[in-house]
Amino acid sequence: MNLPTEDARRFAPAVARNKAAITEVLARHLLTSGLVLEIASGSGEHALHFAAHFPALSFQPTDPDAAALASIAAWRAEAQPANLLPPLALDVMADAWPVQKADTVLCINMIHIAPWEASAALIRGAARVLPRDGFLFLYGPFKQGGQHTTPSNAEFDSSLRAQDARWGVRDLEVVAEIASAAGFAAPVVEAMPANNLCVIFRRRS
């Protein structure tokens, strides 16, 4: 007798809230073809949604967590989008990534729930794999001018640091400084729902 297997798919409530707004930003800035490398894909729901909305692009989801990779693979197996590639294990802290070239790097809601060293490593890694004029997209809450943009973001920052002292809402200007040193131009910043930002860096020559 064949017993039903456990469903590996994960469901992230934030995806339902932000995927449409992020898609609108990507539509304005993404190239018309090429490979989009997603870092810290989590449940895989974002990658699945974007693949459906941008069929001319290929999407490479990645994550360092085995359960997340299983979730991504399960979503992919169910929907079977031709332009969503099998997930890869990727740790931003590694000196070499399993993807050596990409046209766009996308990272949603990671840098505030990771050590600062991971944020810097993400930017350096994106600089390694992106061509001239390639884009790095970051999405999440940020401080600006060293200050939280809303009281709710300040409360969120406190809750993150209570979970792990290495976590926290990052200062946009500091992130931009690290990106500039890695070869990126000053970012385009778009306000998003729920006091988040989409921060878009273009790779200089």
N, C-alpha and C. Protein backbone atom coordinates (compact mmCIF):
# COMPACT_ATOMS: atom_id res chain seq x y z
N MET A 1 0.86 -1.20 0.00
CA MET A 1 0.00 0.00 0.00
C MET A 1 0.88 1.24 0.00
N ASN A 2 0.57 2.17 -0.89
CA ASN A 2 1.31 3.42 -0.96
C ASN A 2 0.74 4.43 0.02
N LEU A 3 1.55 4.87 0.95
CA LEU A 3 1.11 5.87 1.91
C LEU A 3 1.37 7.26 1.38
N PRO A 4 0.52 8.25 1.67
CA PRO A 4 0.76 9.62 1.20
C PRO A 4 2.02 10.18 1.82
N THR A 5 2.79 10.87 1.02
CA THR A 5 4.02 11.48 1.52
C THR A 5 3.71 12.87 2.09
N GLU A 6 4.52 13.31 3.00
CA GLU A 6 4.33 14.62 3.61
C GLU A 6 4.58 15.71 2.58
N ASP A 7 3.72 16.71 2.58
CA ASP A 7 3.86 17.84 1.66
C ASP A 7 4.99 18.72 2.15
N ALA A 8 6.04 18.88 1.34
CA ALA A 8 7.21 19.66 1.74
C ALA A 8 7.02 21.15 1.53
N ARG A 9 5.93 21.54 0.88
CA ARG A 9 5.74 22.96 0.58
C ARG A 9 5.57 23.78 1.86
N ARG A 10 6.26 24.91 1.88
CA ARG A 10 6.09 25.87 2.96
C ARG A 10 5.23 27.03 2.46
N PHE A 11 4.56 27.68 3.39
CA PHE A 11 3.72 28.83 3.06
C PHE A 11 4.17 30.01 3.91
N ALA A 12 4.58 31.09 3.26
CA ALA A 12 5.03 32.30 3.95
C ALA A 12 3.95 33.37 3.79
N PRO A 13 3.26 33.75 4.85
CA PRO A 13 2.18 34.74 4.72
C PRO A 13 2.63 36.06 4.09
N ALA A 14 3.88 36.45 4.33
CA ALA A 14 4.36 37.72 3.77
C ALA A 14 4.36 37.71 2.25
N VAL A 15 4.53 36.55 1.66
CA VAL A 15 4.57 36.47 0.19
C VAL A 15 3.25 36.94 -0.40
N ALA A 16 2.15 36.49 0.16
CA ALA A 16 0.84 36.89 -0.35
C ALA A 16 0.65 38.40 -0.25
N ARG A 17 1.25 39.01 0.78
CA ARG A 17 1.09 40.44 0.99
C ARG A 17 1.96 41.29 0.07
N ASN A 18 3.14 40.79 -0.29
CA ASN A 18 4.08 41.67 -1.00
C ASN A 18 4.39 41.27 -2.44
N LYS A 19 3.96 40.09 -2.88
CA LYS A 19 4.40 39.62 -4.20
C LYS A 19 3.92 40.51 -5.34
N ALA A 20 2.70 41.04 -5.24
CA ALA A 20 2.20 41.88 -6.33
C ALA A 20 2.98 43.19 -6.42
N ALA A 21 3.26 43.81 -5.27
CA ALA A 21 4.01 45.07 -5.27
C ALA A 21 5.43 44.87 -5.78
N ILE A 22 6.07 43.79 -5.36
CA ILE A 22 7.43 43.51 -5.84
C ILE A 22 7.42 43.23 -7.33
N THR A 23 6.42 42.51 -7.81
CA THR A 23 6.32 42.23 -9.25
C THR A 23 6.23 43.52 -10.05
N GLU A 24 5.50 44.51 -9.55
CA GLU A 24 5.39 45.79 -10.26
C GLU A 24 6.75 46.47 -10.38
N VAL A 25 7.54 46.43 -9.32
CA VAL A 25 8.88 47.03 -9.37
C VAL A 25 9.77 46.26 -10.33
N LEU A 26 9.74 44.95 -10.25
CA LEU A 26 10.57 44.15 -11.15
C LEU A 26 10.21 44.41 -12.61
N ALA A 27 8.94 44.58 -12.89
CA ALA A 27 8.50 44.82 -14.26
C ALA A 27 9.09 46.10 -14.83
N ARG A 28 9.37 47.07 -13.96
CA ARG A 28 9.94 48.34 -14.42
C ARG A 28 11.45 48.26 -14.60
N HIS A 29 12.11 47.31 -13.98
CA HIS A 29 13.56 47.33 -13.96
C HIS A 29 14.23 46.07 -14.53
N LEU A 30 13.54 44.94 -14.53
CA LEU A 30 14.18 43.71 -14.99
C LEU A 30 14.52 43.78 -16.47
N LEU A 31 15.59 43.09 -16.84
CA LEU A 31 15.90 42.92 -18.25
C LEU A 31 14.83 42.05 -18.89
N THR A 32 14.76 42.09 -20.22
CA THR A 32 13.72 41.34 -20.92
C THR A 32 14.08 39.87 -21.09
N SER A 33 15.35 39.53 -20.85
CA SER A 33 15.76 38.14 -20.94
C SER A 33 16.94 37.93 -20.00
N GLY A 34 17.30 36.67 -19.78
CA GLY A 34 18.45 36.38 -18.94
C GLY A 34 18.09 35.57 -17.71
N LEU A 35 19.06 35.47 -16.80
CA LEU A 35 18.92 34.66 -15.60
C LEU A 35 18.79 35.54 -14.37
N VAL A 36 17.76 35.28 -13.57
CA VAL A 36 17.57 35.95 -12.29
C VAL A 36 17.96 34.98 -11.20
N LEU A 37 18.99 35.32 -10.44
CA LEU A 37 19.45 34.50 -9.33
C LEU A 37 18.81 35.02 -8.05
N GLU A 38 17.96 34.20 -7.43
CA GLU A 38 17.33 34.61 -6.18
C GLU A 38 18.10 34.01 -5.00
N ILE A 39 18.50 34.87 -4.09
CA ILE A 39 19.22 34.46 -2.88
C ILE A 39 18.22 34.34 -1.73
N ALA A 40 18.38 33.30 -0.92
CA ALA A 40 17.50 33.08 0.23
C ALA A 40 16.04 33.01 -0.21
N SER A 41 15.74 32.06 -1.07
CA SER A 41 14.40 31.95 -1.65
C SER A 41 13.34 31.49 -0.67
N GLY A 42 13.76 30.93 0.46
CA GLY A 42 12.79 30.55 1.48
C GLY A 42 11.82 29.49 1.00
N SER A 43 10.52 29.79 1.10
CA SER A 43 9.50 28.82 0.73
C SER A 43 9.48 28.51 -0.76
N GLY A 44 9.98 29.44 -1.58
CA GLY A 44 9.94 29.27 -3.03
C GLY A 44 8.74 29.92 -3.69
N GLU A 45 7.85 30.49 -2.90
CA GLU A 45 6.63 31.07 -3.46
C GLU A 45 6.91 32.31 -4.30
N HIS A 46 7.87 33.12 -3.89
CA HIS A 46 8.22 34.28 -4.71
C HIS A 46 8.74 33.84 -6.07
N ALA A 47 9.68 32.90 -6.07
CA ALA A 47 10.26 32.44 -7.33
C ALA A 47 9.19 31.89 -8.26
N LEU A 48 8.26 31.12 -7.71
CA LEU A 48 7.18 30.56 -8.51
C LEU A 48 6.31 31.66 -9.10
N HIS A 49 6.00 32.67 -8.29
CA HIS A 49 5.16 33.78 -8.75
C HIS A 49 5.87 34.58 -9.84
N PHE A 50 7.13 34.89 -9.63
CA PHE A 50 7.86 35.69 -10.62
C PHE A 50 8.05 34.92 -11.92
N ALA A 51 8.31 33.64 -11.82
CA ALA A 51 8.49 32.83 -13.04
C ALA A 51 7.22 32.87 -13.89
N ALA A 52 6.06 32.84 -13.25
CA ALA A 52 4.81 32.89 -13.98
C ALA A 52 4.58 34.23 -14.65
N HIS A 53 5.06 35.31 -14.02
CA HIS A 53 4.82 36.65 -14.54
C HIS A 53 5.87 37.11 -15.55
N PHE A 54 7.04 36.47 -15.55
CA PHE A 54 8.11 36.86 -16.47
C PHE A 54 8.61 35.62 -17.22
N PRO A 55 7.81 35.10 -18.16
CA PRO A 55 8.15 33.84 -18.82
C PRO A 55 9.40 33.90 -19.68
N ALA A 56 9.83 35.09 -20.09
CA ALA A 56 11.03 35.20 -20.92
C ALA A 56 12.31 35.14 -20.10
N LEU A 57 12.19 35.19 -18.79
CA LEU A 57 13.35 35.13 -17.90
C LEU A 57 13.45 33.75 -17.26
N SER A 58 14.67 33.35 -16.94
CA SER A 58 14.89 32.13 -16.17
C SER A 58 15.17 32.51 -14.72
N PHE A 59 14.61 31.76 -13.79
CA PHE A 59 14.77 32.04 -12.37
C PHE A 59 15.48 30.88 -11.69
N GLN A 60 16.56 31.23 -10.98
CA GLN A 60 17.33 30.24 -10.23
C GLN A 60 17.15 30.48 -8.73
N PRO A 61 16.28 29.71 -8.08
CA PRO A 61 16.12 29.86 -6.63
C PRO A 61 17.25 29.18 -5.87
N THR A 62 17.61 29.75 -4.73
CA THR A 62 18.66 29.17 -3.89
C THR A 62 18.31 29.39 -2.43
N ASP A 63 18.90 28.57 -1.57
CA ASP A 63 18.76 28.74 -0.14
C ASP A 63 19.79 27.85 0.55
N PRO A 64 20.27 28.21 1.73
CA PRO A 64 21.20 27.34 2.44
C PRO A 64 20.50 26.26 3.26
N ASP A 65 19.17 26.36 3.44
CA ASP A 65 18.42 25.48 4.33
C ASP A 65 17.80 24.32 3.57
N ALA A 66 18.00 23.10 4.06
CA ALA A 66 17.51 21.91 3.36
C ALA A 66 15.98 21.88 3.28
N ALA A 67 15.30 22.30 4.34
CA ALA A 67 13.83 22.30 4.31
C ALA A 67 13.30 23.32 3.31
N ALA A 68 13.98 24.46 3.20
CA ALA A 68 13.58 25.46 2.20
C ALA A 68 13.78 24.92 0.79
N LEU A 69 14.89 24.26 0.56
CA LEU A 69 15.14 23.69 -0.76
C LEU A 69 14.08 22.65 -1.11
N ALA A 70 13.66 21.86 -0.12
CA ALA A 70 12.61 20.87 -0.36
C ALA A 70 11.29 21.55 -0.69
N SER A 71 10.99 22.66 -0.02
CA SER A 71 9.77 23.41 -0.31
C SER A 71 9.80 23.97 -1.73
N ILE A 72 10.92 24.55 -2.11
CA ILE A 72 11.04 25.12 -3.46
C ILE A 72 10.84 24.02 -4.50
N ALA A 73 11.48 22.88 -4.28
CA ALA A 73 11.37 21.77 -5.22
C ALA A 73 9.93 21.27 -5.31
N ALA A 74 9.22 21.25 -4.17
CA ALA A 74 7.84 20.78 -4.18
C ALA A 74 6.92 21.74 -4.93
N TRP A 75 7.09 23.04 -4.71
CA TRP A 75 6.29 24.02 -5.46
C TRP A 75 6.58 23.90 -6.96
N ARG A 76 7.85 23.74 -7.29
CA ARG A 76 8.24 23.61 -8.71
C ARG A 76 7.64 22.36 -9.33
N ALA A 77 7.66 21.24 -8.60
CA ALA A 77 7.13 19.99 -9.12
C ALA A 77 5.64 20.07 -9.37
N GLU A 78 4.95 20.81 -8.50
CA GLU A 78 3.50 20.93 -8.65
C GLU A 78 3.13 21.79 -9.86
N ALA A 79 3.78 22.96 -9.98
CA ALA A 79 3.41 23.91 -11.05
C ALA A 79 4.13 23.64 -12.36
N GLN A 80 5.33 23.10 -12.30
CA GLN A 80 6.15 22.76 -13.46
C GLN A 80 6.36 23.93 -14.43
N PRO A 81 6.75 25.09 -13.93
CA PRO A 81 7.06 26.19 -14.86
C PRO A 81 8.37 25.92 -15.59
N ALA A 82 8.39 26.12 -16.89
CA ALA A 82 9.57 25.80 -17.69
C ALA A 82 10.75 26.68 -17.36
N ASN A 83 10.50 27.88 -16.85
CA ASN A 83 11.59 28.84 -16.63
C ASN A 83 12.02 28.92 -15.17
N LEU A 84 11.55 28.00 -14.32
CA LEU A 84 11.99 27.95 -12.93
C LEU A 84 12.93 26.75 -12.77
N LEU A 85 14.19 27.04 -12.50
CA LEU A 85 15.21 26.00 -12.44
C LEU A 85 15.18 25.27 -11.10
N PRO A 86 15.73 24.06 -11.04
CA PRO A 86 15.79 23.35 -9.76
C PRO A 86 16.57 24.16 -8.73
N PRO A 87 16.15 24.13 -7.47
CA PRO A 87 16.83 24.94 -6.45
C PRO A 87 18.23 24.45 -6.17
N LEU A 88 19.09 25.39 -5.78
CA LEU A 88 20.47 25.08 -5.44
C LEU A 88 20.77 25.53 -4.01
N ALA A 89 21.62 24.77 -3.34
CA ALA A 89 22.10 25.19 -2.03
C ALA A 89 23.14 26.28 -2.22
N LEU A 90 22.92 27.43 -1.59
CA LEU A 90 23.85 28.55 -1.71
C LEU A 90 23.95 29.26 -0.38
N ASP A 91 25.16 29.38 0.11
CA ASP A 91 25.47 30.13 1.32
C ASP A 91 26.20 31.40 0.89
N VAL A 92 25.62 32.56 1.17
CA VAL A 92 26.23 33.80 0.70
C VAL A 92 27.63 34.00 1.25
N MET A 93 27.94 33.38 2.39
CA MET A 93 29.24 33.55 3.00
C MET A 93 30.35 32.79 2.28
N ALA A 94 29.98 31.87 1.39
CA ALA A 94 30.97 31.08 0.67
C ALA A 94 31.75 31.95 -0.31
N ASP A 95 33.02 31.65 -0.48
CA ASP A 95 33.85 32.40 -1.41
C ASP A 95 33.45 32.17 -2.86
N ALA A 96 32.88 31.01 -3.14
CA ALA A 96 32.41 30.69 -4.49
C ALA A 96 30.96 30.25 -4.42
N TRP A 97 30.13 30.76 -5.30
CA TRP A 97 28.73 30.37 -5.37
C TRP A 97 28.54 29.33 -6.47
N PRO A 98 27.50 28.50 -6.38
CA PRO A 98 27.27 27.49 -7.42
C PRO A 98 26.82 28.09 -8.75
N VAL A 99 26.39 29.34 -8.74
CA VAL A 99 26.05 30.06 -9.97
C VAL A 99 27.12 31.11 -10.18
N GLN A 100 27.81 31.06 -11.29
CA GLN A 100 28.93 31.96 -11.53
C GLN A 100 28.54 33.19 -12.34
N LYS A 101 27.43 33.13 -13.05
CA LYS A 101 26.99 34.27 -13.85
C LYS A 101 25.48 34.40 -13.75
N ALA A 102 25.02 35.63 -13.60
CA ALA A 102 23.59 35.93 -13.60
C ALA A 102 23.40 37.34 -14.11
N ASP A 103 22.23 37.62 -14.64
CA ASP A 103 21.95 38.97 -15.15
C ASP A 103 21.32 39.86 -14.08
N THR A 104 20.66 39.24 -13.11
CA THR A 104 20.05 39.95 -12.00
C THR A 104 20.19 39.10 -10.75
N VAL A 105 20.44 39.74 -9.62
CA VAL A 105 20.42 39.06 -8.32
C VAL A 105 19.30 39.67 -7.50
N LEU A 106 18.46 38.81 -6.94
CA LEU A 106 17.27 39.24 -6.20
C LEU A 106 17.33 38.65 -4.80
N CYS A 107 17.12 39.49 -3.78
CA CYS A 107 17.15 39.02 -2.40
C CYS A 107 16.05 39.72 -1.61
N ILE A 108 15.09 38.95 -1.13
CA ILE A 108 13.91 39.48 -0.46
C ILE A 108 13.94 39.07 1.01
N ASN A 109 13.84 40.06 1.88
CA ASN A 109 13.70 39.81 3.32
C ASN A 109 14.77 38.88 3.90
N MET A 110 16.03 39.19 3.56
CA MET A 110 17.10 38.39 4.15
C MET A 110 18.01 39.18 5.06
N ILE A 111 18.44 40.37 4.64
CA ILE A 111 19.59 40.98 5.32
C ILE A 111 19.28 41.42 6.75
N HIS A 112 18.00 41.58 7.08
CA HIS A 112 17.67 41.95 8.46
C HIS A 112 17.53 40.73 9.38
N ILE A 113 17.48 39.53 8.80
CA ILE A 113 17.41 38.32 9.62
C ILE A 113 18.64 37.45 9.37
N ALA A 114 19.78 38.12 9.28
CA ALA A 114 21.07 37.45 9.09
C ALA A 114 22.14 38.36 9.70
N PRO A 115 23.28 37.81 10.05
CA PRO A 115 24.37 38.67 10.55
C PRO A 115 24.77 39.70 9.51
N TRP A 116 25.30 40.83 9.97
CA TRP A 116 25.74 41.86 9.05
C TRP A 116 26.75 41.31 8.05
N GLU A 117 27.60 40.39 8.47
CA GLU A 117 28.60 39.82 7.56
C GLU A 117 27.94 39.17 6.35
N ALA A 118 26.74 38.63 6.54
CA ALA A 118 26.03 38.01 5.42
C ALA A 118 25.56 39.06 4.42
N SER A 119 25.18 40.24 4.91
CA SER A 119 24.78 41.32 4.01
C SER A 119 25.95 41.74 3.13
N ALA A 120 27.10 41.93 3.75
CA ALA A 120 28.29 42.33 2.99
C ALA A 120 28.69 41.24 2.01
N ALA A 121 28.59 39.97 2.43
CA ALA A 121 28.94 38.86 1.55
C ALA A 121 27.98 38.77 0.37
N LEU A 122 26.71 39.04 0.62
CA LEU A 122 25.72 39.05 -0.46
C LEU A 122 26.10 40.06 -1.53
N ILE A 123 26.46 41.26 -1.10
CA ILE A 123 26.80 42.32 -2.05
C ILE A 123 28.07 41.96 -2.82
N ARG A 124 29.07 41.45 -2.13
CA ARG A 124 30.31 41.05 -2.82
C ARG A 124 30.05 39.91 -3.80
N GLY A 125 29.23 38.95 -3.40
CA GLY A 125 28.91 37.84 -4.29
C GLY A 125 28.14 38.29 -5.51
N ALA A 126 27.20 39.20 -5.32
CA ALA A 126 26.45 39.73 -6.45
C ALA A 126 27.38 40.44 -7.43
N ALA A 127 28.34 41.17 -6.89
CA ALA A 127 29.31 41.86 -7.75
C ALA A 127 30.12 40.86 -8.57
N ARG A 128 30.39 39.69 -7.99
CA ARG A 128 31.17 38.67 -8.72
C ARG A 128 30.40 38.09 -9.90
N VAL A 129 29.09 37.88 -9.73
CA VAL A 129 28.35 37.14 -10.75
C VAL A 129 27.64 38.04 -11.76
N LEU A 130 27.49 39.33 -11.44
CA LEU A 130 26.74 40.21 -12.33
C LEU A 130 27.64 40.84 -13.39
N PRO A 131 27.12 41.05 -14.59
CA PRO A 131 27.85 41.79 -15.62
C PRO A 131 27.69 43.29 -15.41
N ARG A 132 28.38 44.05 -16.21
CA ARG A 132 28.16 45.50 -16.21
C ARG A 132 26.69 45.78 -16.49
N ASP A 133 26.11 46.67 -15.73
CA ASP A 133 24.70 47.07 -15.83
C ASP A 133 23.73 46.01 -15.31
N GLY A 134 24.24 44.92 -14.71
CA GLY A 134 23.36 43.98 -14.04
C GLY A 134 22.83 44.57 -12.75
N PHE A 135 21.72 44.06 -12.27
CA PHE A 135 21.04 44.65 -11.12
C PHE A 135 21.04 43.73 -9.91
N LEU A 136 21.19 44.34 -8.74
CA LEU A 136 20.97 43.69 -7.46
C LEU A 136 19.74 44.33 -6.83
N PHE A 137 18.70 43.52 -6.59
CA PHE A 137 17.47 43.99 -5.96
C PHE A 137 17.45 43.52 -4.51
N LEU A 138 17.24 44.45 -3.58
CA LEU A 138 17.04 44.12 -2.18
C LEU A 138 15.66 44.61 -1.77
N TYR A 139 14.96 43.78 -0.99
CA TYR A 139 13.64 44.18 -0.50
C TYR A 139 13.57 43.92 0.99
N GLY A 140 13.01 44.88 1.72
CA GLY A 140 12.82 44.71 3.15
C GLY A 140 12.77 46.05 3.85
N PRO A 141 12.77 46.05 5.19
CA PRO A 141 12.80 47.29 5.94
C PRO A 141 14.23 47.84 6.04
N PHE A 142 14.35 49.14 6.03
CA PHE A 142 15.65 49.79 6.17
C PHE A 142 15.51 51.02 7.06
N LYS A 143 16.60 51.35 7.75
CA LYS A 143 16.71 52.66 8.38
C LYS A 143 17.23 53.63 7.33
N GLN A 144 16.89 54.89 7.48
CA GLN A 144 17.40 55.94 6.60
C GLN A 144 17.91 57.08 7.45
N GLY A 145 19.11 57.53 7.12
CA GLY A 145 19.74 58.57 7.93
C GLY A 145 19.98 58.12 9.35
N GLY A 146 20.17 56.82 9.54
CA GLY A 146 20.41 56.28 10.87
C GLY A 146 19.18 56.14 11.73
N GLN A 147 17.98 56.46 11.17
CA GLN A 147 16.76 56.44 11.96
C GLN A 147 15.75 55.48 11.33
N HIS A 148 14.93 54.87 12.18
CA HIS A 148 13.84 54.06 11.68
C HIS A 148 12.81 54.96 11.01
N THR A 149 12.20 54.45 9.96
CA THR A 149 11.24 55.26 9.20
C THR A 149 9.87 55.32 9.86
N THR A 150 9.56 54.34 10.71
CA THR A 150 8.27 54.32 11.41
C THR A 150 8.46 53.67 12.79
N PRO A 151 7.59 53.96 13.73
CA PRO A 151 7.66 53.28 15.03
C PRO A 151 7.53 51.76 14.90
N SER A 152 6.72 51.29 13.95
CA SER A 152 6.55 49.84 13.80
C SER A 152 7.84 49.18 13.35
N ASN A 153 8.62 49.87 12.53
CA ASN A 153 9.91 49.31 12.12
C ASN A 153 10.88 49.28 13.30
N ALA A 154 10.81 50.27 14.17
CA ALA A 154 11.66 50.28 15.37
C ALA A 154 11.29 49.10 16.27
N GLU A 155 10.00 48.84 16.42
CA GLU A 155 9.56 47.70 17.23
C GLU A 155 9.99 46.39 16.59
N PHE A 156 9.89 46.31 15.28
CA PHE A 156 10.31 45.11 14.57
C PHE A 156 11.81 44.87 14.76
N ASP A 157 12.59 45.94 14.67
CA ASP A 157 14.03 45.85 14.87
C ASP A 157 14.35 45.30 16.27
N SER A 158 13.65 45.81 17.27
CA SER A 158 13.87 45.34 18.64
C SER A 158 13.53 43.86 18.78
N SER A 159 12.46 43.44 18.13
CA SER A 159 12.07 42.03 18.21
C SER A 159 13.09 41.13 17.52
N LEU A 160 13.65 41.61 16.42
CA LEU A 160 14.68 40.83 15.73
C LEU A 160 15.91 40.67 16.61
N ARG A 161 16.35 41.77 17.20
CA ARG A 161 17.57 41.72 18.02
C ARG A 161 17.36 40.90 19.29
N ALA A 162 16.11 40.82 19.75
CA ALA A 162 15.82 39.97 20.91
C ALA A 162 15.96 38.49 20.55
N GLN A 163 15.66 38.17 19.29
CA GLN A 163 15.81 36.78 18.84
C GLN A 163 17.27 36.42 18.60
N ASP A 164 18.01 37.37 18.02
CA ASP A 164 19.42 37.15 17.72
C ASP A 164 20.08 38.52 17.66
N ALA A 165 21.06 38.75 18.51
CA ALA A 165 21.70 40.07 18.59
C ALA A 165 22.40 40.45 17.29
N ARG A 166 22.65 39.48 16.42
CA ARG A 166 23.32 39.76 15.15
C ARG A 166 22.36 40.25 14.08
N TRP A 167 21.05 40.14 14.33
CA TRP A 167 20.05 40.54 13.37
C TRP A 167 19.68 42.01 13.58
N GLY A 168 18.90 42.56 12.64
CA GLY A 168 18.40 43.91 12.81
C GLY A 168 18.17 44.62 11.49
N VAL A 169 17.33 45.63 11.52
CA VAL A 169 17.06 46.46 10.34
C VAL A 169 18.32 47.25 10.01
N ARG A 170 18.74 47.17 8.76
CA ARG A 170 20.01 47.78 8.35
C ARG A 170 19.84 49.23 7.91
N ASP A 171 20.91 49.98 8.04
CA ASP A 171 20.95 51.38 7.61
C ASP A 171 21.20 51.43 6.10
N LEU A 172 20.28 52.03 5.38
CA LEU A 172 20.38 52.06 3.92
C LEU A 172 21.68 52.69 3.46
N GLU A 173 22.10 53.76 4.11
CA GLU A 173 23.32 54.45 3.67
C GLU A 173 24.56 53.57 3.86
N VAL A 174 24.58 52.78 4.91
CA VAL A 174 25.72 51.87 5.13
C VAL A 174 25.72 50.77 4.07
N VAL A 175 24.55 50.22 3.77
CA VAL A 175 24.45 49.21 2.72
C VAL A 175 24.92 49.79 1.39
N ALA A 176 24.53 51.03 1.10
CA ALA A 176 24.93 51.68 -0.15
C ALA A 176 26.44 51.90 -0.20
N GLU A 177 27.06 52.19 0.94
CA GLU A 177 28.51 52.35 0.97
C GLU A 177 29.23 51.05 0.64
N ILE A 178 28.75 49.96 1.22
CA ILE A 178 29.33 48.65 0.92
C ILE A 178 29.15 48.32 -0.56
N ALA A 179 27.97 48.61 -1.09
CA ALA A 179 27.70 48.34 -2.50
C ALA A 179 28.59 49.18 -3.41
N SER A 180 28.79 50.45 -3.06
CA SER A 180 29.65 51.31 -3.86
C SER A 180 31.07 50.77 -3.91
N ALA A 181 31.57 50.31 -2.76
CA ALA A 181 32.92 49.76 -2.70
C ALA A 181 33.03 48.49 -3.54
N ALA A 182 31.91 47.78 -3.73
CA ALA A 182 31.92 46.55 -4.52
C ALA A 182 31.68 46.81 -6.00
N GLY A 183 31.44 48.07 -6.38
CA GLY A 183 31.31 48.38 -7.80
C GLY A 183 29.90 48.69 -8.26
N PHE A 184 29.01 49.02 -7.32
CA PHE A 184 27.63 49.35 -7.70
C PHE A 184 27.42 50.86 -7.64
N ALA A 185 26.53 51.33 -8.51
CA ALA A 185 26.15 52.74 -8.51
C ALA A 185 25.21 53.02 -7.34
N ALA A 186 24.95 54.30 -7.10
CA ALA A 186 24.00 54.68 -6.05
C ALA A 186 22.64 54.05 -6.35
N PRO A 187 21.92 53.63 -5.31
CA PRO A 187 20.70 52.86 -5.56
C PRO A 187 19.51 53.71 -5.98
N VAL A 188 18.62 53.07 -6.70
CA VAL A 188 17.26 53.58 -6.89
C VAL A 188 16.44 52.99 -5.76
N VAL A 189 15.69 53.82 -5.06
CA VAL A 189 14.93 53.37 -3.89
C VAL A 189 13.44 53.61 -4.16
N GLU A 190 12.66 52.55 -4.02
CA GLU A 190 11.22 52.66 -4.21
C GLU A 190 10.51 52.26 -2.92
N ALA A 191 9.59 53.13 -2.48
CA ALA A 191 8.80 52.83 -1.29
C ALA A 191 7.82 51.71 -1.60
N MET A 192 7.65 50.82 -0.63
CA MET A 192 6.79 49.65 -0.79
C MET A 192 5.78 49.62 0.35
N PRO A 193 4.75 48.77 0.23
CA PRO A 193 3.79 48.66 1.32
C PRO A 193 4.44 48.16 2.61
N ALA A 194 3.76 48.39 3.71
CA ALA A 194 4.17 47.91 5.04
C ALA A 194 5.53 48.45 5.45
N ASN A 195 5.83 49.69 5.01
CA ASN A 195 7.06 50.39 5.42
C ASN A 195 8.33 49.69 4.98
N ASN A 196 8.27 48.98 3.87
CA ASN A 196 9.45 48.36 3.29
C ASN A 196 9.96 49.20 2.12
N LEU A 197 11.15 48.85 1.66
CA LEU A 197 11.75 49.50 0.50
C LEU A 197 12.24 48.45 -0.48
N CYS A 198 12.22 48.81 -1.74
CA CYS A 198 12.94 48.05 -2.75
C CYS A 198 14.14 48.89 -3.15
N VAL A 199 15.32 48.34 -2.97
CA VAL A 199 16.57 49.07 -3.21
C VAL A 199 17.28 48.39 -4.38
N ILE A 200 17.54 49.15 -5.43
CA ILE A 200 18.01 48.58 -6.68
C ILE A 200 19.38 49.15 -7.01
N PHE A 201 20.38 48.30 -7.03
CA PHE A 201 21.75 48.69 -7.33
C PHE A 201 22.11 48.21 -8.74
N ARG A 202 22.75 49.10 -9.52
CA ARG A 202 23.24 48.73 -10.85
C ARG A 202 24.76 48.53 -10.80
N ARG A 203 25.22 47.46 -11.38
CA ARG A 203 26.66 47.14 -11.40
C ARG A 203 27.37 48.06 -12.38
N ARG A 204 28.38 48.78 -11.87
CA ARG A 204 29.19 49.62 -12.76
C ARG A 204 30.18 48.76 -13.50
N SER A 205 30.84 49.35 -14.52
CA SER A 205 31.85 48.61 -15.26
C SER A 205 33.07 48.41 -14.39
